[in-house]
């Protein structure tokens, strides 16, 4: 579970960086990367929810 949390944190950091570049400097490529990060975050968060529920049942 710790590994999954680490992946979520890393993806969130990448999203924050790219989202700032897009909003501050109108960097279109950063916007594309930020949108891709949101899709990856969605998958990771769904996996976290699944693992978390399994852990709570123990």
PDB file of N, CA and C in Angstrom:
ATOM      1  N   UNK A   1       0.822  -1.188   0.000  1.00  0.00           N
ATOM      2  CA  UNK A   1       0.000   0.000   0.000  1.00  0.00           C
ATOM      3  C   UNK A   1       0.872   1.260   0.000  1.00  0.00           C
ATOM      4  N   UNK A   2       2.007   1.194   0.693  1.00  0.00           N
ATOM      5  CA  UNK A   2       2.909   2.342   0.733  1.00  0.00           C
ATOM      6  C   UNK A   2       3.448   2.680  -0.655  1.00  0.00           C
ATOM      7  N   UNK A   3       3.697   1.646  -1.437  1.00  0.00           N
ATOM      8  CA  UNK A   3       4.182   1.857  -2.806  1.00  0.00           C
ATOM      9  C   UNK A   3       3.128   2.594  -3.640  1.00  0.00           C
ATOM     10  N   UNK A   4       1.883   2.209  -3.470  1.00  0.00           N
ATOM     11  CA  UNK A   4       0.779   2.842  -4.186  1.00  0.00           C
ATOM     12  C   UNK A   4       0.643   4.312  -3.782  1.00  0.00           C
ATOM     13  N   UNK A   5       0.774   4.586  -2.501  1.00  0.00           N
ATOM     14  CA  UNK A   5       0.701   5.968  -2.020  1.00  0.00           C
ATOM     15  C   UNK A   5       1.846   6.787  -2.598  1.00  0.00           C
ATOM     16  N   UNK A   6       3.022   6.194  -2.694  1.00  0.00           N
ATOM     17  CA  UNK A   6       4.165   6.870  -3.301  1.00  0.00           C
ATOM     18  C   UNK A   6       3.913   7.206  -4.757  1.00  0.00           C
ATOM     19  N   UNK A   7       3.300   6.274  -5.489  1.00  0.00           N
ATOM     20  CA  UNK A   7       2.978   6.522  -6.900  1.00  0.00           C
ATOM     21  C   UNK A   7       1.966   7.661  -7.034  1.00  0.00           C
ATOM     22  N   UNK A   8       0.962   7.670  -6.147  1.00  0.00           N
ATOM     23  CA  UNK A   8      -0.044   8.737  -6.172  1.00  0.00           C
ATOM     24  C   UNK A   8       0.605  10.085  -5.913  1.00  0.00           C
ATOM     25  N   UNK A   9       1.482  10.143  -4.908  1.00  0.00           N
ATOM     26  CA  UNK A   9       2.163  11.404  -4.593  1.00  0.00           C
ATOM     27  C   UNK A   9       3.036  11.885  -5.743  1.00  0.00           C
ATOM     28  N   UNK A  10       3.744  10.969  -6.398  1.00  0.00           N
ATOM     29  CA  UNK A  10       4.603  11.338  -7.522  1.00  0.00           C
ATOM     30  C   UNK A  10       3.773  11.863  -8.687  1.00  0.00           C
ATOM     31  N   UNK A  11       2.670  11.207  -8.972  1.00  0.00           N
ATOM     32  CA  UNK A  11       1.805  11.638 -10.076  1.00  0.00           C
ATOM     33  C   UNK A  11       1.169  12.986  -9.764  1.00  0.00           C
ATOM     34  N   UNK A  12       0.811  13.194  -8.499  1.00  0.00           N
ATOM     35  CA  UNK A  12       0.213  14.468  -8.094  1.00  0.00           C
ATOM     36  C   UNK A  12       1.237  15.603  -8.234  1.00  0.00           C
ATOM     37  N   UNK A  13       2.485  15.334  -7.883  1.00  0.00           N
ATOM     38  CA  UNK A  13       3.529  16.336  -8.029  1.00  0.00           C
ATOM     39  C   UNK A  13       3.730  16.702  -9.499  1.00  0.00           C
ATOM     40  N   UNK A  14       3.719  15.697 -10.370  1.00  0.00           N
ATOM     41  CA  UNK A  14       3.864  15.948 -11.807  1.00  0.00           C
ATOM     42  C   UNK A  14       2.691  16.769 -12.319  1.00  0.00           C
ATOM     43  N   UNK A  15       1.483  16.437 -11.855  1.00  0.00           N
ATOM     44  CA  UNK A  15       0.303  17.195 -12.261  1.00  0.00           C
ATOM     45  C   UNK A  15       0.416  18.654 -11.815  1.00  0.00           C
ATOM     46  N   UNK A  16       0.798  18.875 -10.566  1.00  0.00           N
ATOM     47  CA  UNK A  16       0.909  20.239 -10.045  1.00  0.00           C
ATOM     48  C   UNK A  16       1.899  21.070 -10.859  1.00  0.00           C
ATOM     49  N   UNK A  17       3.028  20.470 -11.182  1.00  0.00           N
ATOM     50  CA  UNK A  17       4.054  21.176 -11.953  1.00  0.00           C
ATOM     51  C   UNK A  17       3.531  21.553 -13.343  1.00  0.00           C
ATOM     52  N   UNK A  18       2.930  20.588 -14.022  1.00  0.00           N
ATOM     53  CA  UNK A  18       2.436  20.840 -15.372  1.00  0.00           C
ATOM     54  C   UNK A  18       1.249  21.799 -15.377  1.00  0.00           C
ATOM     55  N   UNK A  19       0.369  21.686 -14.400  1.00  0.00           N
ATOM     56  CA  UNK A  19      -0.783  22.586 -14.326  1.00  0.00           C
ATOM     57  C   UNK A  19      -0.325  24.029 -14.087  1.00  0.00           C
ATOM     58  N   UNK A  20       0.688  24.215 -13.261  1.00  0.00           N
ATOM     59  CA  UNK A  20       1.215  25.558 -13.032  1.00  0.00           C
ATOM     60  C   UNK A  20       1.843  26.122 -14.291  1.00  0.00           C
ATOM     61  N   UNK A  21       2.602  25.310 -15.008  1.00  0.00           N
ATOM     62  CA  UNK A  21       3.216  25.773 -16.250  1.00  0.00           C
ATOM     63  C   UNK A  21       2.146  26.202 -17.253  1.00  0.00           C
ATOM     64  N   UNK A  22       1.069  25.434 -17.314  1.00  0.00           N
ATOM     65  CA  UNK A  22       0.001  25.777 -18.254  1.00  0.00           C
ATOM     66  C   UNK A  22      -0.672  27.089 -17.848  1.00  0.00           C
ATOM     67  N   UNK A  23      -0.974  27.250 -16.576  1.00  0.00           N
ATOM     68  CA  UNK A  23      -1.715  28.441 -16.156  1.00  0.00           C
ATOM     69  C   UNK A  23      -0.841  29.696 -16.132  1.00  0.00           C
ATOM     70  N   UNK A  24       0.425  29.557 -15.758  1.00  0.00           N
ATOM     71  CA  UNK A  24       1.295  30.722 -15.643  1.00  0.00           C
ATOM     72  C   UNK A  24       1.920  31.141 -16.969  1.00  0.00           C
ATOM     73  N   UNK A  25       2.307  30.157 -17.770  1.00  0.00           N
ATOM     74  CA  UNK A  25       3.053  30.468 -18.994  1.00  0.00           C
ATOM     75  C   UNK A  25       2.325  30.059 -20.267  1.00  0.00           C
ATOM     76  N   UNK A  26       1.086  29.645 -20.140  1.00  0.00           N
ATOM     77  CA  UNK A  26       0.278  29.195 -21.283  1.00  0.00           C
ATOM     78  C   UNK A  26       0.993  28.122 -22.107  1.00  0.00           C
ATOM     79  N   UNK A  27       1.649  27.211 -21.398  1.00  0.00           N
ATOM     80  CA  UNK A  27       2.384  26.122 -22.037  1.00  0.00           C
ATOM     81  C   UNK A  27       1.398  25.015 -22.423  1.00  0.00           C
ATOM     82  N   UNK A  28       1.115  24.892 -23.727  1.00  0.00           N
ATOM     83  CA  UNK A  28       0.119  23.925 -24.196  1.00  0.00           C
ATOM     84  C   UNK A  28       0.554  22.479 -23.960  1.00  0.00           C
ATOM     85  N   UNK A  29       1.834  22.190 -24.130  1.00  0.00           N
ATOM     86  CA  UNK A  29       2.330  20.830 -23.917  1.00  0.00           C
ATOM     87  C   UNK A  29       2.178  20.431 -22.444  1.00  0.00           C
ATOM     88  N   UNK A  30       2.393  21.376 -21.549  1.00  0.00           N
ATOM     89  CA  UNK A  30       2.220  21.092 -20.121  1.00  0.00           C
ATOM     90  C   UNK A  30       0.761  20.798 -19.819  1.00  0.00           C
ATOM     91  N   UNK A  31      -0.144  21.463 -20.504  1.00  0.00           N
ATOM     92  CA  UNK A  31      -1.565  21.193 -20.334  1.00  0.00           C
ATOM     93  C   UNK A  31      -1.921  19.776 -20.738  1.00  0.00           C
ATOM     94  N   UNK A  32      -1.325  19.318 -21.828  1.00  0.00           N
ATOM     95  CA  UNK A  32      -1.550  17.952 -22.283  1.00  0.00           C
ATOM     96  C   UNK A  32      -1.026  16.955 -21.254  1.00  0.00           C
ATOM     97  N   UNK A  33       0.165  17.224 -20.734  1.00  0.00           N
ATOM     98  CA  UNK A  33       0.739  16.339 -19.707  1.00  0.00           C
ATOM     99  C   UNK A  33      -0.112  16.350 -18.437  1.00  0.00           C
ATOM    100  N   UNK A  34      -0.628  17.511 -18.062  1.00  0.00           N
ATOM    101  CA  UNK A  34      -1.464  17.613 -16.864  1.00  0.00           C
ATOM    102  C   UNK A  34      -2.740  16.799 -17.037  1.00  0.00           C
ATOM    103  N   UNK A  35      -3.345  16.870 -18.201  1.00  0.00           N
ATOM    104  CA  UNK A  35      -4.560  16.092 -18.453  1.00  0.00           C
ATOM    105  C   UNK A  35      -4.269  14.592 -18.418  1.00  0.00           C
ATOM    106  N   UNK A  36      -3.115  14.195 -18.953  1.00  0.00           N
ATOM    107  CA  UNK A  36      -2.730  12.788 -18.907  1.00  0.00           C
ATOM    108  C   UNK A  36      -2.516  12.351 -17.457  1.00  0.00           C
ATOM    109  N   UNK A  37      -1.929  13.225 -16.659  1.00  0.00           N
ATOM    110  CA  UNK A  37      -1.717  12.911 -15.247  1.00  0.00           C
ATOM    111  C   UNK A  37      -3.032  12.685 -14.517  1.00  0.00           C
ATOM    112  N   UNK A  38      -4.065  13.461 -14.882  1.00  0.00           N
ATOM    113  CA  UNK A  38      -5.355  13.269 -14.218  1.00  0.00           C
ATOM    114  C   UNK A  38      -5.929  11.887 -14.517  1.00  0.00           C
ATOM    115  N   UNK A  39      -5.713  11.405 -15.735  1.00  0.00           N
ATOM    116  CA  UNK A  39      -6.185  10.059 -16.072  1.00  0.00           C
ATOM    117  C   UNK A  39      -5.425   9.001 -15.282  1.00  0.00           C
ATOM    118  N   UNK A  40      -4.117   9.194 -15.158  1.00  0.00           N
ATOM    119  CA  UNK A  40      -3.308   8.260 -14.372  1.00  0.00           C
ATOM    120  C   UNK A  40      -3.703   8.305 -12.903  1.00  0.00           C
ATOM    121  N   UNK A  41      -3.964   9.511 -12.391  1.00  0.00           N
ATOM    122  CA  UNK A  41      -4.383   9.650 -10.997  1.00  0.00           C
ATOM    123  C   UNK A  41      -5.712   8.944 -10.758  1.00  0.00           C
ATOM    124  N   UNK A  42      -6.612   9.059 -11.713  1.00  0.00           N
ATOM    125  CA  UNK A  42      -7.906   8.396 -11.575  1.00  0.00           C
ATOM    126  C   UNK A  42      -7.720   6.890 -11.388  1.00  0.00           C
ATOM    127  N   UNK A  43      -6.861   6.289 -12.202  1.00  0.00           N
ATOM    128  CA  UNK A  43      -6.607   4.855 -12.103  1.00  0.00           C
ATOM    129  C   UNK A  43      -5.959   4.502 -10.765  1.00  0.00           C
ATOM    130  N   UNK A  44      -4.973   5.302 -10.358  1.00  0.00           N
ATOM    131  CA  UNK A  44      -4.287   5.034  -9.098  1.00  0.00           C
ATOM    132  C   UNK A  44      -5.218   5.192  -7.897  1.00  0.00           C
ATOM    133  N   UNK A  45      -6.086   6.185  -7.933  1.00  0.00           N
ATOM    134  CA  UNK A  45      -7.004   6.399  -6.819  1.00  0.00           C
ATOM    135  C   UNK A  45      -8.056   5.296  -6.733  1.00  0.00           C
ATOM    136  N   UNK A  46      -8.485   4.794  -7.867  1.00  0.00           N
ATOM    137  CA  UNK A  46      -9.410   3.665  -7.855  1.00  0.00           C
ATOM    138  C   UNK A  46      -8.731   2.433  -7.257  1.00  0.00           C
ATOM    139  N   UNK A  47      -7.472   2.233  -7.614  1.00  0.00           N
ATOM    140  CA  UNK A  47      -6.714   1.112  -7.067  1.00  0.00           C
ATOM    141  C   UNK A  47      -6.532   1.295  -5.554  1.00  0.00           C
ATOM    142  N   UNK A  48      -6.275   2.523  -5.125  1.00  0.00           N
ATOM    143  CA  UNK A  48      -6.125   2.802  -3.697  1.00  0.00           C
ATOM    144  C   UNK A  48      -7.413   2.458  -2.955  1.00  0.00           C
ATOM    145  N   UNK A  49      -8.539   2.845  -3.526  1.00  0.00           N
ATOM    146  CA  UNK A  49      -9.826   2.571  -2.887  1.00  0.00           C
ATOM    147  C   UNK A  49     -10.030   1.063  -2.732  1.00  0.00           C
ATOM    148  N   UNK A  50      -9.684   0.321  -3.760  1.00  0.00           N
ATOM    149  CA  UNK A  50      -9.818  -1.144  -3.738  1.00  0.00           C
ATOM    150  C   UNK A  50      -8.923  -1.743  -2.666  1.00  0.00           C
ATOM    151  N   UNK A  51      -7.670  -1.347  -2.621  1.00  0.00           N
ATOM    152  CA  UNK A  51      -6.722  -1.871  -1.647  1.00  0.00           C
ATOM    153  C   UNK A  51      -7.124  -1.457  -0.227  1.00  0.00           C
ATOM    154  N   UNK A  52      -7.568  -0.236  -0.079  1.00  0.00           N
ATOM    155  CA  UNK A  52      -7.978   0.264   1.225  1.00  0.00           C
ATOM    156  C   UNK A  52      -9.150  -0.537   1.784  1.00  0.00           C
ATOM    157  N   UNK A  53     -10.114  -0.843   0.926  1.00  0.00           N
ATOM    158  CA  UNK A  53     -11.258  -1.643   1.374  1.00  0.00           C
ATOM    159  C   UNK A  53     -10.820  -3.044   1.784  1.00  0.00           C
ATOM    160  N   UNK A  54      -9.901  -3.634   1.032  1.00  0.00           N
ATOM    161  CA  UNK A  54      -9.392  -4.952   1.372  1.00  0.00           C
ATOM    162  C   UNK A  54      -8.664  -4.926   2.710  1.00  0.00           C
ATOM    163  N   UNK A  55      -7.866  -3.894   2.951  1.00  0.00           N
ATOM    164  CA  UNK A  55      -7.126  -3.761   4.202  1.00  0.00           C
ATOM    165  C   UNK A  55      -8.065  -3.582   5.392  1.00  0.00           C
ATOM    166  N   UNK A  56      -9.165  -2.864   5.196  1.00  0.00           N
ATOM    167  CA  UNK A  56     -10.083  -2.612   6.306  1.00  0.00           C
ATOM    168  C   UNK A  56     -10.862  -3.869   6.701  1.00  0.00           C
ATOM    169  N   UNK A  57     -10.938  -4.837   5.799  1.00  0.00           N
ATOM    170  CA  UNK A  57     -11.658  -6.068   6.085  1.00  0.00           C
ATOM    171  C   UNK A  57     -10.817  -7.067   6.881  1.00  0.00           C
ATOM    172  N   UNK A  58      -9.544  -6.799   7.002  1.00  0.00           N
ATOM    173  CA  UNK A  58      -8.648  -7.732   7.711  1.00  0.00           C
ATOM    174  C   UNK A  58      -8.817  -7.611   9.206  1.00  0.00           C
TER     175      UNK A  58
END
